[in-house]
Protein backbone atom coordinates (compact mmCIF):
# COMPACT_ATOMS: atom_id res chain seq x y z
CA MET A 1 -0.16 12.77 28.26
CA GLU A 2 -0.35 9.90 25.78
CA ALA A 3 0.79 10.56 22.24
CA GLU A 4 -1.77 10.57 19.48
CA ARG A 5 -1.69 7.24 17.63
CA VAL A 6 -2.31 7.00 13.90
CA GLN A 7 -4.49 3.95 14.53
CA ASN A 8 -6.83 6.19 16.56
CA VAL A 9 -6.85 8.92 13.91
CA ALA A 10 -7.69 6.28 11.28
CA SER A 11 -10.47 4.74 13.39
CA ASN A 12 -12.54 7.91 13.06
CA SER A 13 -14.85 6.26 10.56
CA LYS A 14 -16.51 9.54 9.55
CA ALA A 15 -13.25 11.01 8.33
CA THR A 16 -12.93 11.38 4.56
CA THR A 17 -9.88 13.64 4.81
CA ILE A 18 -6.68 13.43 6.82
CA PRO A 19 -5.26 16.04 9.22
CA SER A 20 -2.92 18.55 7.57
CA GLU A 21 0.16 17.28 9.44
CA PHE A 22 -0.05 14.05 7.41
CA ILE A 23 -0.32 15.77 4.01
CA ARG A 24 3.02 15.68 2.24
CA SER A 25 4.42 18.32 -0.08
CA GLU A 26 3.74 17.80 -3.79
CA SER A 27 7.34 16.65 -4.24
CA GLU A 28 6.59 13.72 -1.89
CA GLN A 29 2.92 12.90 -2.47
CA PRO A 30 2.70 9.36 -3.86
CA GLY A 31 -0.29 10.30 -6.01
CA ILE A 32 2.02 12.63 -7.95
CA THR A 33 5.45 11.01 -7.60
CA THR A 34 4.75 7.28 -8.14
CA VAL A 35 5.41 5.77 -11.58
CA LYS A 36 1.99 4.28 -12.37
CA GLY A 37 1.35 0.81 -13.71
CA GLU A 38 4.91 -0.46 -13.40
CA LEU A 39 6.32 -2.70 -10.68
CA LEU A 40 10.03 -2.48 -10.01
CA ALA A 41 11.77 -5.69 -11.06
CA VAL A 42 13.97 -5.96 -7.98
CA PRO A 43 16.21 -9.06 -8.28
CA ILE A 44 14.70 -12.26 -6.85
CA ILE A 45 17.36 -14.71 -5.66
CA ASP A 46 16.79 -18.37 -4.83
CA ILE A 47 19.34 -18.85 -2.06
CA SER A 48 18.73 -22.61 -1.98
CA ASP A 49 20.31 -22.97 -5.44
CA PRO A 50 23.11 -25.59 -5.11
CA ASP A 51 25.31 -23.40 -7.36
CA GLU A 52 26.74 -21.32 -4.52
CA SER A 53 28.88 -19.12 -6.76
CA LYS A 54 25.77 -18.17 -8.74
CA VAL A 55 23.95 -17.22 -5.53
CA LEU A 56 26.95 -15.25 -4.26
CA ASN A 57 27.37 -13.37 -7.55
CA SER A 58 23.63 -12.56 -7.64
CA ILE A 59 23.72 -11.14 -4.10
CA VAL A 60 26.82 -9.04 -4.84
CA LYS A 61 25.46 -7.75 -8.17
CA ALA A 62 22.14 -6.77 -6.57
CA SER A 63 23.92 -5.05 -3.67
CA VAL A 64 26.07 -3.01 -6.07
CA GLU A 65 23.38 -2.14 -8.62
CA TRP A 66 20.20 -2.02 -6.55
CA GLY A 67 20.91 -1.98 -2.82
CA MET A 68 17.98 -4.35 -2.41
CA PHE A 69 16.80 -7.78 -3.50
CA GLN A 70 14.28 -10.45 -2.53
CA ILE A 71 15.27 -13.94 -1.43
CA ILE A 72 13.14 -17.06 -1.81
CA ASN A 73 13.58 -20.62 -0.53
CA HIS A 74 15.39 -19.12 2.44
CA GLY A 75 14.72 -22.02 4.76
CA ILE A 76 12.28 -20.35 7.16
CA PRO A 77 9.20 -22.61 7.29
CA ASP A 78 5.89 -21.09 6.20
CA GLU A 79 4.25 -21.90 9.54
CA VAL A 80 7.02 -20.07 11.42
CA ILE A 81 6.46 -16.97 9.28
CA GLU A 82 2.68 -17.19 9.66
CA LYS A 83 2.81 -17.47 13.46
CA PHE A 84 5.33 -14.62 13.68
CA GLN A 85 3.11 -12.37 11.58
CA GLU A 86 -0.06 -13.39 13.40
CA VAL A 87 1.19 -12.46 16.88
CA GLY A 88 2.40 -9.05 15.67
CA LYS A 89 -0.93 -8.34 13.97
CA THR A 90 -2.81 -9.45 17.10
CA PHE A 91 -0.83 -7.03 19.28
CA PHE A 92 -1.89 -4.04 17.19
CA GLU A 93 -5.52 -5.18 17.31
CA LEU A 94 -5.53 -5.03 21.14
CA PRO A 95 -7.35 -2.19 22.93
CA ARG A 96 -5.29 0.98 23.07
CA GLU A 97 -4.69 0.82 26.81
CA GLU A 98 -3.10 -2.63 26.49
CA LYS A 99 -0.69 -1.39 23.84
CA GLU A 100 0.21 1.75 25.81
CA VAL A 101 1.73 -0.46 28.54
CA TYR A 102 4.65 -0.91 26.12
CA ALA A 103 4.94 2.75 25.10
CA LYS A 104 8.41 4.26 25.04
CA SER A 105 8.80 7.22 27.37
CA PRO A 106 9.24 10.60 25.64
CA ASP A 107 12.68 11.12 27.19
CA SER A 108 14.00 7.64 26.30
CA LYS A 109 17.22 7.53 24.28
CA SER A 110 16.30 4.07 23.02
CA VAL A 111 13.91 3.42 20.14
CA GLU A 112 12.49 0.36 21.91
CA GLY A 113 8.79 0.30 22.72
CA TYR A 114 5.41 1.09 21.20
CA GLY A 115 5.26 4.46 19.50
CA THR A 116 4.33 6.63 16.59
CA PHE A 117 7.05 9.15 15.80
CA LEU A 118 10.65 8.12 15.43
CA GLN A 119 12.77 10.81 13.90
CA LYS A 120 12.84 14.53 13.37
CA ASP A 121 10.98 15.63 10.25
CA LEU A 122 12.32 18.96 9.05
CA GLY A 123 8.97 19.80 7.48
CA GLY A 124 7.04 18.98 10.66
CA LYS A 125 5.07 16.26 8.86
CA LYS A 126 3.95 12.93 10.31
CA GLY A 127 4.00 9.43 8.87
CA TRP A 128 0.80 7.36 8.70
CA VAL A 129 2.17 4.56 10.88
CA ASP A 130 2.45 3.26 14.44
CA HIS A 131 5.24 0.91 15.42
CA LEU A 132 6.68 -1.46 18.01
CA PHE A 133 10.45 -1.80 18.39
CA HIS A 134 12.31 -4.36 20.46
CA ARG A 135 15.58 -6.26 20.27
CA VAL A 136 15.32 -9.97 19.53
CA TRP A 137 19.02 -10.93 19.61
CA PRO A 138 21.49 -11.46 21.31
CA LEU A 139 19.83 -12.73 24.46
CA ASP A 140 21.75 -10.41 26.79
CA ALA A 141 20.61 -7.38 24.76
CA ILE A 142 16.90 -8.19 25.08
CA ASP A 143 14.65 -6.15 27.36
CA TYR A 144 11.52 -8.25 27.71
CA LYS A 145 9.48 -5.38 29.13
CA PHE A 146 8.97 -4.32 25.48
CA TRP A 147 7.79 -7.77 24.37
CA PRO A 148 3.98 -8.03 24.49
CA GLN A 149 2.60 -10.63 26.90
CA ASN A 150 -0.62 -10.73 24.90
CA PRO A 151 -0.94 -12.79 22.78
CA THR A 152 0.66 -15.36 25.05
CA SER A 153 2.43 -17.01 22.11
CA TYR A 154 4.20 -13.76 21.16
CA ARG A 155 7.56 -14.67 22.70
CA GLU A 156 7.65 -18.20 21.36
CA ALA A 157 6.73 -17.08 17.82
CA ASN A 158 9.44 -14.39 17.84
CA GLU A 159 12.12 -16.71 19.20
CA GLU A 160 11.30 -19.37 16.61
CA TYR A 161 11.53 -16.84 13.74
CA VAL A 162 14.87 -15.49 15.00
CA LYS A 163 16.25 -19.01 15.38
CA HIS A 164 15.72 -19.54 11.64
CA LEU A 165 16.96 -16.05 10.76
CA HIS A 166 20.57 -16.72 11.83
CA GLY A 167 21.28 -18.90 8.79
CA VAL A 168 19.94 -16.21 6.44
CA VAL A 169 22.07 -13.51 8.11
CA ASN A 170 25.22 -15.64 7.97
CA LYS A 171 24.75 -16.45 4.28
CA LEU A 172 24.18 -12.80 3.38
CA MET A 173 27.11 -11.45 5.40
CA LYS A 174 29.45 -14.13 4.03
CA SER A 175 28.44 -13.27 0.45
CA LEU A 176 28.88 -9.53 1.04
CA SER A 177 32.37 -10.16 2.49
CA ILE A 178 33.57 -12.34 -0.37
CA GLY A 179 32.13 -9.87 -2.87
CA LEU A 180 34.52 -7.25 -1.49
CA GLY A 181 37.53 -9.56 -1.70
CA LEU A 182 37.57 -9.98 2.09
CA GLU A 183 37.67 -13.12 4.22
CA GLU A 184 34.18 -14.59 4.52
CA ASP A 185 33.76 -13.64 8.20
CA GLU A 186 34.97 -10.04 7.99
CA MET A 187 31.65 -8.34 7.23
CA LYS A 188 30.07 -10.10 10.19
CA LYS A 189 33.01 -9.03 12.39
CA VAL A 190 32.56 -5.35 11.52
CA ALA A 191 28.86 -5.73 12.40
CA GLY A 192 29.89 -6.88 15.88
CA GLY A 193 30.29 -10.61 15.32
CA GLU A 194 28.27 -12.55 17.90
CA GLU A 195 27.38 -9.22 19.59
CA ALA A 196 25.57 -7.92 16.50
CA VAL A 197 22.06 -6.79 17.44
CA TYR A 198 18.85 -7.87 15.73
CA LEU A 199 16.33 -5.06 16.22
CA LEU A 200 12.74 -5.88 15.24
CA LYS A 201 10.31 -3.18 14.19
CA ILE A 202 6.67 -3.87 13.45
CA ASN A 203 5.18 -1.15 11.24
CA TYR A 204 1.38 -0.89 11.37
CA TYR A 205 -0.16 1.25 8.61
CA PRO A 206 -3.94 1.55 9.09
CA PRO A 207 -6.27 2.35 6.18
CA CYS A 208 -5.95 5.98 5.12
CA PRO A 209 -8.82 8.05 3.60
CA GLN A 210 -6.40 9.94 1.32
CA PRO A 211 -3.48 7.61 0.58
CA GLU A 212 -2.41 9.67 -2.43
CA LEU A 213 -1.42 12.54 -0.10
CA ALA A 214 0.30 10.67 2.75
CA LEU A 215 3.32 8.47 3.36
CA GLY A 216 3.71 5.68 5.88
CA VAL A 217 7.45 6.21 6.26
CA PRO A 218 9.12 8.97 4.19
CA ALA A 219 12.13 8.39 1.93
CA HIS A 220 15.16 7.11 3.80
CA THR A 221 18.01 4.63 3.81
CA ASP A 222 18.30 2.22 6.73
CA MET A 223 21.11 3.15 9.12
CA CYS A 224 21.92 -0.46 10.07
CA CYS A 225 24.09 -3.02 8.25
CA ILE A 226 21.33 -4.94 6.49
CA THR A 227 17.57 -5.13 6.90
CA ILE A 228 15.57 -8.33 6.48
CA LEU A 229 12.00 -7.26 5.78
CA LEU A 230 8.90 -9.43 5.89
CA PRO A 231 5.74 -7.65 4.65
CA ASN A 232 2.11 -8.72 4.61
CA ASP A 233 0.40 -8.97 1.22
CA VAL A 234 -0.72 -5.33 0.99
CA GLN A 235 1.39 -3.44 -1.56
CA GLY A 236 3.26 -0.53 0.00
CA LEU A 237 7.04 -0.66 -0.36
CA GLN A 238 8.49 1.75 -2.92
CA ALA A 239 12.09 2.21 -4.03
CA ASP A 240 13.85 5.03 -5.81
CA ARG A 241 15.30 4.17 -9.19
CA ASP A 242 16.99 6.96 -11.14
CA GLY A 243 15.14 9.61 -9.17
CA ARG A 244 11.67 8.09 -9.67
CA TRP A 245 9.48 6.12 -7.25
CA TYR A 246 8.28 2.63 -8.14
CA ASP A 247 6.22 0.02 -6.33
CA VAL A 248 8.29 -3.03 -5.36
CA LYS A 249 6.54 -6.23 -6.40
CA TYR A 250 5.20 -8.30 -3.51
CA VAL A 251 6.44 -11.92 -3.60
CA ASP A 252 4.65 -14.28 -1.21
CA LYS A 253 6.89 -15.54 1.65
CA ALA A 254 9.95 -13.82 0.18
CA LEU A 255 12.27 -11.80 2.44
CA ILE A 256 13.21 -8.35 1.16
CA ILE A 257 16.84 -7.44 1.85
CA HIS A 258 17.94 -3.82 2.12
CA ILE A 259 21.60 -2.83 2.12
CA GLY A 260 21.95 -0.34 4.98
CA ASP A 261 24.26 2.60 5.60
CA GLN A 262 26.85 0.63 7.61
CA VAL A 263 27.45 -1.91 4.83
CA GLU A 264 27.75 0.94 2.32
CA ILE A 265 30.30 2.58 4.64
CA VAL A 266 32.31 -0.62 5.24
CA SER A 267 32.40 -1.30 1.49
CA ASN A 268 33.59 2.29 0.93
CA GLY A 269 30.70 2.87 -1.41
CA LYS A 270 30.80 -0.30 -3.53
CA TYR A 271 27.50 -1.50 -2.07
CA LYS A 272 24.68 1.03 -2.07
CA ALA A 273 22.13 1.60 0.69
CA VAL A 274 18.72 1.65 -0.96
CA LEU A 275 16.53 4.77 -0.80
CA HIS A 276 13.00 3.60 -0.10
CA ARG A 277 9.68 4.69 1.42
CA SER A 278 6.29 3.21 2.24
CA ILE A 279 2.87 4.23 1.01
CA VAL A 280 -0.53 3.44 2.51
CA ASN A 281 -3.81 1.95 1.34
CA LYS A 282 -7.34 3.35 1.42
CA ASP A 283 -9.06 0.11 2.40
CA LYS A 284 -6.49 -2.29 3.83
CA THR A 285 -4.03 -2.38 6.72
CA ARG A 286 -0.43 -2.91 5.71
CA ILE A 287 1.99 -4.43 8.23
CA SER A 288 5.71 -5.06 7.83
CA TRP A 289 8.29 -6.73 10.05
CA PRO A 290 11.82 -5.46 9.34
CA VAL A 291 14.69 -6.87 11.40
CA PHE A 292 17.65 -4.48 11.41
CA LEU A 293 21.09 -6.04 11.86
CA GLU A 294 23.00 -3.43 13.85
CA PRO A 295 26.49 -3.11 15.30
CA PRO A 296 26.68 -2.67 19.09
CA GLN A 297 26.25 1.01 20.02
CA ASP A 298 29.90 1.56 21.00
CA LEU A 299 31.41 -0.20 18.00
CA GLU A 300 33.26 2.07 15.58
CA VAL A 301 32.35 1.53 11.93
CA GLY A 302 34.18 2.94 8.92
CA PRO A 303 35.51 1.89 5.52
CA HIS A 304 37.34 -1.43 5.79
CA PRO A 305 41.12 -0.76 5.86
CA LYS A 306 41.70 -3.33 3.10
CA LEU A 307 39.42 -1.34 0.78
CA VAL A 308 41.10 2.04 1.31
CA THR A 309 44.06 2.92 -0.92
CA ASP A 310 45.68 6.06 -2.35
CA GLU A 311 43.64 5.51 -5.50
CA ASN A 312 40.47 4.78 -3.52
CA PRO A 313 40.58 6.92 -0.36
CA ALA A 314 38.00 6.64 2.44
CA LYS A 315 34.69 8.18 1.39
CA TYR A 316 33.14 8.01 4.87
CA LYS A 317 34.12 8.88 8.43
CA THR A 318 34.78 6.19 11.03
CA LYS A 319 32.55 6.72 14.05
CA LYS A 320 30.70 4.92 16.82
CA TYR A 321 27.41 3.47 15.66
CA ALA A 322 25.58 5.30 18.48
CA ASP A 323 26.90 8.64 17.16
CA TYR A 324 25.87 7.76 13.62
CA VAL A 325 22.34 6.94 14.79
CA HIS A 326 22.06 10.17 16.80
CA CYS A 327 23.05 12.27 13.78
CA LYS A 328 20.72 10.41 11.42
CA LEU A 329 17.63 10.56 13.65
CA ASN A 330 18.18 14.24 14.39
CA LYS A 331 19.00 15.18 10.81
CA LEU A 332 22.52 16.32 11.71
CA PRO A 333 25.51 16.07 9.33
CA GLN A 334 27.52 12.85 9.73
């Protein structure tokens, strides 16, 4: 039996209300919990600035104080971004039966594939989102059965985007390393070096009749090392700041960077994984394209030995990334 897709629920044009399983508790409802009329001034960093120490210090400061920032002039051409976004949008506009070809099986241990529900929700609630996951790097980690063949330019557009993404990843990881007093390649090494995985997720949030009651993705931190997020122009990303929820300002063609759990762990808590969530829109479809930089499943990740001392003991356990993911998705203690 095929899973119910949010896109199908949303396409019921007569609906003016949403099913109860999508209605969040009052402590989560964005209509109640969002700070109105104020956009969060997340740091915006021009990474093309020739003053490299200024760029490095800005990235480190944002990672310590915010856990997120936006980068501009990142070197990915506009047309590459536009083609990448267009093929993802086109996939979700295909007839349902074409999308279901890429559906993940219910008993799959991998997140890859087309789907709707990702992790256990202790309240039994559902997010107003469908998604497509697949790895885009390294080449030997890719399973092309999860890459749509329609549109025919899907593969080329993804490969071109990833080709330009490497420089961004290297600059970010180098800055995060130096900011910890480590050698410039050490953060990349603990992410798996050349074996580090780029996992793409396309989030598709259809229009929602009661957006004030629902969430696209509930509050969470990303379990990866870093996330490089490309949204469309529909406002929807929110971040927690001092226990309150704010809209994050949309900046055209900017990439939004999230510090993930693994970088927080490696830094022994100096860098902070950002708590964030997504809201939905009554009239417009929001789409986002996060790429999660992950360690290989069997790689053990823990606080970097050079950052652990008697005065600053390890604040996190060292464990295989696969075990960390299993605990996080199933809401088990780490």
